[in-house]
Amino acid sequence: MENDNPLPYKYKTKTMKRNILIAGGLLGLALTLQAQTGEGGIDRQMLQQIRKNGLTAADRALANAIATNSIDDLARNFRNAGPVDTYFSVETPKQSIQDQKSSGRCWLFTGLNVLRSKFARQHKDTLKVVYSHVYLSFYDQLEKANLMLQNVIDNAGKPLDDPRVQFFFKNPISDGGTFCGLSDLAEKYGVVPMEAMPETYSAENTSRMAKIVSSKLREYGLELRKMVAEKKPKAAVKARKTEMLAGIYHILTLSLGEPVKSFTYAFKDKNGKQIGQAKTYTPQEFYKETVGGPINGTFIMAMNDPRRPYYKTYEIEYDRHTYDGHNWRYVNLPMEAIARMAIASLKDSTKMYTSYDVGKQLDRKRGFLDVDNYDYGMLYGTTFPMDKADRIATFDSGSTHAMTLTAVDLDENGRPKKWKVENSWGAAYGQQGCLIMTDRWFNEYTFRLVVDNKYVPADILKAAQQKPVMVVPEDPLFQEDE
């Protein structure tokens, strides 16, 4: 008798088994969903509601496109994709673009950009200097290691799951930072030119070194907590912490090079020609020669945080680079006030440290930032209505990257139309190493501005002298620039 099924028996058996498995799987899923009747779970009825609309023909076409293309390419607003207007009515002198590579040192590159531009301006652009980034990176990491260990000691009486104790064990060290850190580090350790201490691989690629140092600091932190719990003498705890820092110093030296203690240097003009005789400097002497006096006390840091009252001063607890340095303190201001100070500074050819949520609406190919560069809502058939305050409060937006504000384009009434910043992603990126942003984007995604006191109105200077409101470091807006 012939087999009615054209497939051999072994394939028919496999097919039957597969169908049984599929049916069993579906039954199991239904039973599982039915069993999950706890409040707040996804039950079978809810899943049916979620699935009910399904995909339309247009949705399936979009799904195919999204599956095989970049989301940004599909969401790109074609009407906004024309040539970028590069004219600026107010622009500071150009300087060479640096590259932070795969490191989180944008704050350091930006801060040193500001210092070297001030030096060039003082010498009417006849003298140029480029500071070593790795020199201050070294001491930044050493100081942050001490900050972590000392705070472990100071909070050793608290349980390990205390929020403040956890903060330091979770974040023992990083290469991110703020302008306050640059001020404290440069004043304490001085500065050196790039030639005296060039970059190393680990300076430009910090991830692995940071993990190694962090692991060591956590180990050290547990040991120090144990010493305090055992009521060891303070002198013994301090001596052990010093030994630990020597271990960190050794790791940093092998990775970044030993910090230069003295060097010989001759200044060069804008064409690279040497001017005068070479001299021998210490880092502190070079700081005095090129920076002059103290940086601290000469500026205010303005912040735009619409969640909090304006014209009030805030300070972030434990947010500093050195244990004996300055916490990050800022005056909260509306964007209109921040823009006015920025324009006054740029009109006087003075660049500024600024920070932004640079990843939002960034057209990387054109180096252009505008709120209409990409329409993700149209692509996915939804909307994104949160304002700046909501985005901050929900960790959807915050300061991620520092850059040097260099130019503004004003309309006939003196109102800003667009802005330009020097970036630290190399001269080949964006607009010859710079980014251009519309004023609309500037208002939505600017967070910090460091401005010289002489460009700050009296009422804001007065607000900066208020007793600050203390803010916890876990706040969504107070992450370090990278």
Protein backbone atom coordinates (compact mmCIF):
# COMPACT_ATOMS: atom_id res chain seq x y z
CA MET A 1 0.00 0.00 0.00
CA GLU A 2 1.39 3.37 -1.06
CA ASN A 3 1.95 6.14 1.56
CA ASP A 4 -0.52 8.99 0.99
CA ASN A 5 2.05 11.46 2.43
CA PRO A 6 4.81 12.06 -0.16
CA LEU A 7 7.38 12.69 2.65
CA PRO A 8 9.31 9.77 4.10
CA TYR A 9 8.14 8.57 7.50
CA LYS A 10 11.08 10.08 9.41
CA TYR A 11 10.29 13.59 8.06
CA LYS A 12 6.59 13.17 8.81
CA THR A 13 7.49 12.20 12.36
CA LYS A 14 9.76 15.26 12.74
CA THR A 15 7.02 17.51 11.39
CA MET A 16 4.47 16.11 13.84
CA LYS A 17 6.90 16.58 16.72
CA ARG A 18 7.63 20.16 15.66
CA ASN A 19 3.91 20.98 15.46
CA ILE A 20 3.37 19.48 18.90
CA LEU A 21 6.25 21.54 20.29
CA ILE A 22 4.90 24.75 18.74
CA ALA A 23 1.42 24.07 20.05
CA GLY A 24 2.85 23.24 23.45
CA GLY A 25 4.93 26.40 23.43
CA LEU A 26 1.92 28.56 22.64
CA LEU A 27 -0.12 26.83 25.31
CA GLY A 28 2.74 27.29 27.76
CA LEU A 29 2.96 31.00 26.92
CA ALA A 30 -0.79 31.41 27.41
CA LEU A 31 -0.66 29.56 30.73
CA THR A 32 2.36 31.60 31.84
CA LEU A 33 0.66 34.89 30.98
CA GLN A 34 -2.51 33.69 32.71
CA ALA A 35 -0.49 32.76 35.79
CA GLN A 36 1.10 36.20 35.99
CA THR A 37 -1.93 37.88 37.46
CA GLY A 38 -0.02 40.10 39.90
CA GLU A 39 -0.84 43.80 39.87
CA GLY A 40 1.29 45.66 37.32
CA GLY A 41 2.31 42.68 35.17
CA ILE A 42 1.56 42.10 31.48
CA ASP A 43 -1.29 39.59 31.45
CA ARG A 44 -2.85 37.93 28.38
CA GLN A 45 -5.58 40.54 27.95
CA MET A 46 -3.08 43.40 28.19
CA LEU A 47 -0.81 41.75 25.63
CA GLN A 48 -3.76 41.41 23.26
CA GLN A 49 -4.47 45.12 23.69
CA ILE A 50 -0.82 45.96 23.03
CA ARG A 51 -0.82 43.85 19.87
CA LYS A 52 -4.25 44.78 18.56
CA ASN A 53 -3.31 47.44 16.01
CA GLY A 54 -0.56 45.48 14.30
CA LEU A 55 1.51 46.87 11.42
CA THR A 56 -0.03 48.61 8.44
CA ALA A 57 1.44 48.27 4.96
CA ALA A 58 3.19 51.61 5.48
CA ASP A 59 4.53 50.37 8.84
CA ARG A 60 5.94 47.25 7.20
CA ALA A 61 7.70 49.37 4.61
CA LEU A 62 9.16 51.52 7.38
CA ALA A 63 10.21 48.42 9.32
CA ASN A 64 12.08 47.15 6.27
CA ALA A 65 13.79 50.53 5.86
CA ILE A 66 14.76 50.80 9.55
CA ALA A 67 16.03 47.21 9.56
CA THR A 68 18.52 47.98 6.79
CA ASN A 69 19.44 51.66 7.29
CA SER A 70 20.69 54.10 9.90
CA ILE A 71 17.85 55.65 11.90
CA ASP A 72 19.49 59.07 11.57
CA ASP A 73 19.67 58.74 7.80
CA LEU A 74 15.96 57.94 7.64
CA ALA A 75 14.95 60.65 10.14
CA ARG A 76 17.11 63.35 8.53
CA ASN A 77 15.08 66.45 7.70
CA PHE A 78 15.82 66.99 4.01
CA ARG A 79 14.57 70.59 4.13
CA ASN A 80 17.17 71.33 6.80
CA ALA A 81 20.06 69.59 5.05
CA GLY A 82 21.40 72.39 2.88
CA PRO A 83 24.78 74.12 3.13
CA VAL A 84 25.72 75.45 6.59
CA ASP A 85 26.02 79.23 6.85
CA THR A 86 29.56 79.83 8.14
CA TYR A 87 29.45 83.63 8.40
CA PHE A 88 29.70 85.14 11.90
CA SER A 89 29.41 88.82 12.69
CA VAL A 90 31.40 88.44 15.93
CA GLU A 91 34.31 85.99 15.93
CA THR A 92 37.41 85.53 18.08
CA PRO A 93 40.82 84.71 16.54
CA LYS A 94 41.19 81.12 15.37
CA GLN A 95 43.57 78.74 17.10
CA SER A 96 44.74 75.19 16.39
CA ILE A 97 42.23 72.41 17.01
CA GLN A 98 43.15 69.64 19.44
CA ASP A 99 41.96 66.03 19.65
CA GLN A 100 41.06 64.36 22.94
CA LYS A 101 40.88 60.97 21.16
CA SER A 102 39.15 58.21 23.20
CA SER A 103 39.23 60.03 26.51
CA GLY A 104 36.78 61.99 28.64
CA ARG A 105 38.99 65.07 28.94
CA CYS A 106 36.91 67.59 26.98
CA TRP A 107 36.76 69.83 30.09
CA LEU A 108 40.56 69.92 30.21
CA PHE A 109 40.99 70.58 26.49
CA THR A 110 38.34 73.31 26.63
CA GLY A 111 39.76 74.93 29.74
CA LEU A 112 43.29 74.95 28.35
CA ASN A 113 41.93 76.34 25.06
CA VAL A 114 40.60 79.30 27.02
CA LEU A 115 43.93 79.81 28.82
CA ARG A 116 46.02 79.67 25.66
CA SER A 117 43.67 82.02 23.83
CA LYS A 118 44.05 84.56 26.66
CA PHE A 119 47.85 84.26 26.42
CA ALA A 120 47.77 84.82 22.65
CA ARG A 121 45.46 87.80 23.08
CA GLN A 122 47.74 89.38 25.67
CA HIS A 123 50.56 89.14 23.13
CA LYS A 124 48.41 90.37 20.23
CA ASP A 125 48.65 86.92 18.64
CA THR A 126 52.41 87.26 18.17
CA LEU A 127 53.07 84.38 20.61
CA LYS A 128 51.37 81.00 20.72
CA VAL A 129 51.45 78.16 23.22
CA VAL A 130 49.74 74.76 23.37
CA TYR A 131 49.59 73.27 26.84
CA SER A 132 50.19 69.63 27.69
CA HIS A 133 46.93 67.89 28.50
CA VAL A 134 48.50 64.75 29.91
CA TYR A 135 50.46 66.73 32.52
CA LEU A 136 47.32 67.96 34.25
CA SER A 137 45.53 64.66 33.48
CA PHE A 138 48.12 62.91 35.63
CA TYR A 139 47.56 65.10 38.65
CA ASP A 140 43.81 65.11 38.08
CA GLN A 141 43.77 61.32 38.40
CA LEU A 142 46.05 61.36 41.45
CA GLU A 143 43.96 64.02 43.17
CA LYS A 144 40.69 62.22 42.40
CA ALA A 145 42.20 59.04 43.86
CA ASN A 146 42.99 60.93 47.06
CA LEU A 147 39.51 62.48 47.05
CA MET A 148 37.95 59.03 46.90
CA LEU A 149 40.16 57.50 49.60
CA GLN A 150 39.84 60.42 52.00
CA ASN A 151 36.07 60.47 51.64
CA VAL A 152 36.01 56.75 52.34
CA ILE A 153 37.88 57.53 55.56
CA ASP A 154 35.60 60.46 56.42
CA ASN A 155 32.48 58.30 55.91
CA ALA A 156 33.86 55.05 57.30
CA GLY A 157 31.36 55.11 60.17
CA LYS A 158 28.46 54.78 57.74
CA PRO A 159 27.29 51.42 56.37
CA LEU A 160 28.57 50.29 52.99
CA ASP A 161 25.12 50.74 51.44
CA ASP A 162 24.88 54.38 52.56
CA PRO A 163 24.25 56.58 49.48
CA ARG A 164 27.35 58.69 50.04
CA VAL A 165 29.60 55.67 50.64
CA GLN A 166 28.17 53.99 47.56
CA PHE A 167 28.74 57.15 45.52
CA PHE A 168 32.51 56.93 45.96
CA PHE A 169 32.77 53.17 45.50
CA LYS A 170 30.63 53.39 42.38
CA ASN A 171 32.59 56.37 41.01
CA PRO A 172 36.11 56.05 42.44
CA ILE A 173 37.66 57.97 39.57
CA SER A 174 36.91 59.34 36.11
CA ASP A 175 38.60 61.52 33.52
CA GLY A 176 35.57 63.81 33.20
CA GLY A 177 35.50 67.18 34.93
CA THR A 178 34.62 70.86 35.03
CA PHE A 179 36.38 74.21 34.73
CA CYS A 180 36.61 74.42 38.53
CA GLY A 181 38.89 71.40 38.39
CA LEU A 182 41.15 73.01 35.82
CA SER A 183 41.42 76.12 38.01
CA ASP A 184 42.42 74.17 41.11
CA LEU A 185 44.83 71.85 39.30
CA ALA A 186 46.60 74.54 37.28
CA GLU A 187 47.06 76.81 40.28
CA LYS A 188 48.41 73.95 42.39
CA TYR A 189 50.62 72.10 39.90
CA GLY A 190 51.30 74.69 37.21
CA VAL A 191 51.19 74.00 33.47
CA VAL A 192 53.69 72.82 30.86
CA PRO A 193 53.80 73.08 27.06
CA MET A 194 52.88 70.11 24.89
CA GLU A 195 56.52 69.65 23.88
CA ALA A 196 57.56 69.10 27.49
CA MET A 197 55.09 66.25 28.10
CA PRO A 198 53.37 64.81 25.03
CA GLU A 199 50.38 62.46 24.99
CA THR A 200 50.70 58.72 25.58
CA TYR A 201 48.46 55.92 24.36
CA SER A 202 46.73 55.62 27.74
CA ALA A 203 46.22 59.38 27.91
CA GLU A 204 44.34 59.24 24.62
CA ASN A 205 42.64 55.91 25.38
CA THR A 206 41.75 56.07 29.06
CA SER A 207 39.22 53.26 29.49
CA ARG A 208 41.50 50.39 30.49
CA MET A 209 43.69 52.48 32.78
CA ALA A 210 40.59 53.88 34.48
CA LYS A 211 39.24 50.38 35.15
CA ILE A 212 42.55 49.26 36.64
CA VAL A 213 42.85 52.32 38.89
CA SER A 214 39.18 52.07 39.91
CA SER A 215 39.54 48.43 40.91
CA LYS A 216 42.61 49.24 42.99
CA LEU A 217 40.88 52.16 44.70
CA ARG A 218 37.89 50.01 45.66
CA GLU A 219 40.26 47.46 47.18
CA TYR A 220 42.08 50.23 49.05
CA GLY A 221 38.78 51.73 50.18
CA LEU A 222 37.68 48.50 51.85
CA GLU A 223 41.02 48.26 53.64
CA LEU A 224 40.75 51.82 54.94
CA ARG A 225 37.20 51.22 56.18
CA LYS A 226 38.47 48.17 58.07
CA MET A 227 41.30 50.17 59.63
CA VAL A 228 38.87 52.82 60.86
CA ALA A 229 36.47 50.16 62.17
CA GLU A 230 39.35 48.60 64.10
CA LYS A 231 40.06 52.06 65.58
CA LYS A 232 43.57 52.28 64.15
CA PRO A 233 45.29 55.62 64.97
CA LYS A 234 44.60 58.45 62.52
CA ALA A 235 48.31 58.71 61.80
CA ALA A 236 48.42 55.04 60.81
CA VAL A 237 45.39 55.47 58.52
CA LYS A 238 46.96 58.52 56.91
CA ALA A 239 50.28 56.71 56.44
CA ARG A 240 48.53 53.76 54.79
CA LYS A 241 46.57 56.09 52.52
CA THR A 242 49.86 57.70 51.47
CA GLU A 243 51.26 54.26 50.60
CA MET A 244 48.16 53.55 48.57
CA LEU A 245 48.51 56.82 46.66
CA ALA A 246 52.12 55.87 45.91
CA GLY A 247 50.74 52.72 44.29
CA ILE A 248 48.32 54.77 42.21
CA TYR A 249 51.14 57.18 41.29
CA HIS A 250 53.18 54.22 40.03
CA ILE A 251 50.31 52.99 37.82
CA LEU A 252 49.80 56.50 36.45
CA THR A 253 53.51 56.96 35.79
CA LEU A 254 53.70 53.73 33.80
CA SER A 255 50.58 54.71 31.83
CA LEU A 256 50.93 58.47 31.36
CA GLY A 257 54.63 59.14 31.95
CA GLU A 258 56.22 60.79 34.96
CA PRO A 259 55.17 64.43 35.34
CA VAL A 260 57.89 66.78 34.19
CA LYS A 261 59.51 68.80 36.99
CA SER A 262 61.50 71.22 34.83
CA PHE A 263 61.99 71.77 31.11
CA THR A 264 63.59 74.07 28.55
CA TYR A 265 61.26 75.95 26.24
CA ALA A 266 61.35 78.73 23.64
CA PHE A 267 58.18 80.54 22.56
CA LYS A 268 57.16 80.57 18.91
CA ASP A 269 55.10 82.99 16.85
CA LYS A 270 51.98 82.06 14.90
CA ASN A 271 54.16 80.83 12.02
CA GLY A 272 56.19 78.52 14.27
CA LYS A 273 59.31 80.69 14.30
CA GLN A 274 61.22 80.79 17.58
CA ILE A 275 61.21 84.09 19.43
CA GLY A 276 64.03 84.81 21.87
CA GLN A 277 66.25 82.38 23.74
CA ALA A 278 65.06 79.13 25.30
CA LYS A 279 64.63 79.24 29.07
CA THR A 280 64.34 76.61 31.78
CA TYR A 281 61.04 76.57 33.67
CA THR A 282 59.31 74.64 36.40
CA PRO A 283 55.60 74.04 35.79
CA GLN A 284 54.74 76.70 38.37
CA GLU A 285 57.08 79.20 36.70
CA PHE A 286 55.55 78.46 33.30
CA TYR A 287 52.10 79.00 34.79
CA LYS A 288 53.19 82.41 36.08
CA GLU A 289 54.75 83.26 32.71
CA THR A 290 51.74 82.29 30.59
CA VAL A 291 48.68 82.41 32.84
CA GLY A 292 49.76 85.02 35.36
CA GLY A 293 47.77 85.19 38.58
CA PRO A 294 45.07 82.99 40.10
CA ILE A 295 42.17 81.76 37.98
CA ASN A 296 39.84 81.14 40.92
CA GLY A 297 37.87 84.23 41.78
CA THR A 298 38.08 85.71 38.27
CA PHE A 299 34.99 84.00 36.83
CA ILE A 300 31.50 82.77 37.52
CA MET A 301 29.98 79.55 36.28
CA ALA A 302 26.45 80.08 34.97
CA MET A 303 24.00 77.21 34.62
CA ASN A 304 20.63 76.99 32.93
CA ASP A 305 18.46 74.65 34.99
CA PRO A 306 14.77 75.51 34.50
CA ARG A 307 13.79 73.12 37.32
CA ARG A 308 15.18 75.54 39.91
CA PRO A 309 14.72 79.25 40.72
CA TYR A 310 16.88 81.62 38.70
CA TYR A 311 19.37 84.09 40.17
CA LYS A 312 20.19 81.66 42.96
CA THR A 313 23.58 80.07 43.69
CA TYR A 314 23.97 76.31 44.03
CA GLU A 315 26.87 74.09 45.05
CA ILE A 316 27.30 70.39 44.34
CA GLU A 317 28.52 68.49 47.37
CA TYR A 318 31.74 66.49 46.84
CA ASP A 319 31.97 67.65 43.22
CA ARG A 320 35.57 68.72 43.01
CA HIS A 321 38.82 67.40 41.64
CA THR A 322 41.04 67.98 44.66
CA TYR A 323 40.13 67.31 48.28
CA ASP A 324 41.31 70.79 49.23
CA GLY A 325 39.80 72.46 46.14
CA HIS A 326 36.52 74.10 45.26
CA ASN A 327 33.19 72.36 44.91
CA TRP A 328 31.41 73.06 41.66
CA ARG A 329 29.41 76.25 42.34
CA TYR A 330 27.17 78.01 39.84
CA VAL A 331 24.55 80.72 39.44
CA ASN A 332 21.33 79.48 37.85
CA LEU A 333 20.27 81.89 35.10
CA PRO A 334 17.78 82.07 32.22
CA MET A 335 19.27 81.52 28.78
CA GLU A 336 18.71 85.17 27.83
CA ALA A 337 21.06 86.30 30.61
CA ILE A 338 23.65 83.65 29.67
CA ALA A 339 23.52 84.74 26.01
CA ARG A 340 24.02 88.42 26.91
CA MET A 341 27.18 87.64 28.90
CA ALA A 342 28.48 85.38 26.15
CA ILE A 343 27.95 88.08 23.51
CA ALA A 344 29.72 90.69 25.66
CA SER A 345 32.71 88.38 26.09
CA LEU A 346 32.92 87.48 22.38
CA LYS A 347 32.71 91.15 21.36
CA ASP A 348 35.84 91.64 23.48
CA SER A 349 37.58 88.72 21.68
CA THR A 350 37.42 86.50 24.76
CA LYS A 351 36.61 82.80 24.30
CA MET A 352 34.67 80.90 26.96
CA TYR A 353 34.30 77.44 28.45
CA THR A 354 30.81 76.09 27.69
CA SER A 355 29.12 72.70 27.91
CA TYR A 356 26.21 71.10 26.09
CA ASP A 357 24.22 67.96 25.44
CA VAL A 358 26.09 67.68 22.17
CA GLY A 359 24.63 64.36 21.05
CA LYS A 360 21.15 65.79 20.59
CA GLN A 361 20.29 66.55 16.95
CA LEU A 362 23.97 66.55 15.91
CA ASP A 363 24.56 66.31 12.17
CA ARG A 364 28.03 64.82 12.32
CA LYS A 365 28.74 65.09 8.62
CA ARG A 366 28.13 68.84 8.54
CA GLY A 367 29.18 69.67 12.09
CA PHE A 368 25.81 71.36 12.55
CA LEU A 369 23.41 71.42 15.52
CA ASP A 370 19.77 72.39 15.08
CA VAL A 371 16.53 71.22 16.71
CA ASP A 372 15.13 70.28 13.27
CA ASN A 373 18.03 68.21 11.95
CA TYR A 374 16.16 64.92 12.57
CA ASP A 375 12.45 64.15 12.88
CA TYR A 376 12.36 60.94 14.91
CA GLY A 377 8.71 61.49 15.80
CA MET A 378 7.62 61.49 12.16
CA LEU A 379 9.66 58.34 11.50
CA TYR A 380 8.07 56.42 14.36
CA GLY A 381 4.63 58.03 14.29
CA THR A 382 4.90 59.60 17.71
CA THR A 383 5.92 62.86 19.42
CA PHE A 384 8.60 63.91 21.93
CA PRO A 385 6.99 66.80 23.83
CA MET A 386 9.21 67.04 26.95
CA ASP A 387 10.67 70.49 27.58
CA LYS A 388 14.18 71.17 28.90
CA ALA A 389 13.13 70.87 32.56
CA ASP A 390 11.42 67.52 31.96
CA ARG A 391 14.37 66.18 29.99
CA ILE A 392 16.75 67.08 32.81
CA ALA A 393 14.53 65.66 35.56
CA THR A 394 14.19 62.31 33.78
CA PHE A 395 17.88 61.97 32.84
CA ASP A 396 16.93 62.38 29.17
CA SER A 397 19.26 65.36 28.77
CA GLY A 398 22.17 66.92 30.58
CA SER A 399 25.64 68.30 30.05
CA THR A 400 27.76 65.72 28.23
CA HIS A 401 30.54 67.65 26.50
CA ALA A 402 32.53 70.85 26.97
CA MET A 403 33.60 73.04 24.03
CA THR A 404 35.12 76.49 23.58
CA LEU A 405 32.63 79.19 22.56
CA THR A 406 34.31 81.31 19.89
CA ALA A 407 31.75 83.19 17.75
CA VAL A 408 28.19 84.48 17.45
CA ASP A 409 26.20 85.79 14.50
CA LEU A 410 23.85 88.66 15.43
CA ASP A 411 20.86 89.99 13.54
CA GLU A 412 20.22 93.70 12.89
CA ASN A 413 18.72 94.04 16.39
CA GLY A 414 21.69 92.42 18.12
CA ARG A 415 19.92 89.13 18.79
CA PRO A 416 21.88 85.87 18.28
CA LYS A 417 21.07 83.73 15.24
CA LYS A 418 23.79 81.11 15.57
CA TRP A 419 26.93 80.27 17.55
CA LYS A 420 30.25 78.54 16.90
CA VAL A 421 32.46 76.45 19.19
CA GLU A 422 35.94 74.98 18.92
CA ASN A 423 35.65 71.26 19.53
CA SER A 424 38.29 68.75 20.66
CA TRP A 425 37.57 65.95 18.19
CA GLY A 426 40.31 66.85 15.72
CA ALA A 427 40.61 69.38 12.89
CA ALA A 428 38.99 67.04 10.35
CA TYR A 429 35.70 66.85 12.25
CA GLY A 430 32.75 69.08 11.45
CA GLN A 431 33.54 72.60 10.26
CA GLN A 432 37.35 72.35 10.33
CA GLY A 433 37.22 71.14 13.91
CA CYS A 434 34.37 73.46 14.93
CA LEU A 435 30.63 72.98 15.39
CA ILE A 436 27.96 75.50 14.41
CA MET A 437 24.67 75.63 16.32
CA THR A 438 21.48 77.58 15.78
CA ASP A 439 20.25 79.80 18.61
CA ARG A 440 17.23 77.53 19.05
CA TRP A 441 19.52 74.55 19.69
CA PHE A 442 21.76 76.71 21.92
CA ASN A 443 18.78 77.53 24.15
CA GLU A 444 17.61 73.92 24.43
CA TYR A 445 20.90 72.13 24.98
CA THR A 446 23.35 74.60 26.56
CA PHE A 447 23.93 74.01 30.26
CA ARG A 448 27.09 75.78 31.47
CA LEU A 449 29.00 78.93 30.69
CA VAL A 450 32.18 80.09 32.42
CA VAL A 451 32.58 83.82 31.95
CA ASP A 452 35.09 86.38 33.21
CA ASN A 453 33.70 88.61 35.97
CA LYS A 454 34.19 91.74 33.90
CA TYR A 455 31.43 90.63 31.51
CA VAL A 456 29.00 89.79 34.34
CA PRO A 457 26.28 92.33 35.32
CA ALA A 458 26.27 93.57 38.92
CA ASP A 459 23.05 91.76 39.86
CA ILE A 460 24.47 88.42 38.75
CA LEU A 461 27.76 89.04 40.56
CA LYS A 462 25.71 89.76 43.67
CA ALA A 463 23.72 86.55 43.22
CA ALA A 464 27.00 84.64 42.94
CA GLN A 465 27.94 85.81 46.45
CA GLN A 466 24.85 84.25 48.05
CA LYS A 467 25.17 81.38 50.46
CA PRO A 468 24.76 78.45 48.09
CA VAL A 469 22.00 75.88 48.19
CA MET A 470 23.67 72.48 48.47
CA VAL A 471 22.80 69.90 45.82
CA VAL A 472 23.54 66.17 45.97
CA PRO A 473 26.03 64.86 43.38
CA GLU A 474 23.54 62.26 42.14
CA ASP A 475 21.34 65.01 40.66
CA PRO A 476 20.75 64.28 36.95
CA LEU A 477 22.28 67.57 35.74
CA PHE A 478 25.56 67.40 37.63
CA GLN A 479 27.56 64.85 35.77
CA GLU A 480 31.08 65.78 34.73
CA ASP A 481 31.80 66.91 31.16
CA GLU A 482 33.51 64.30 29.01
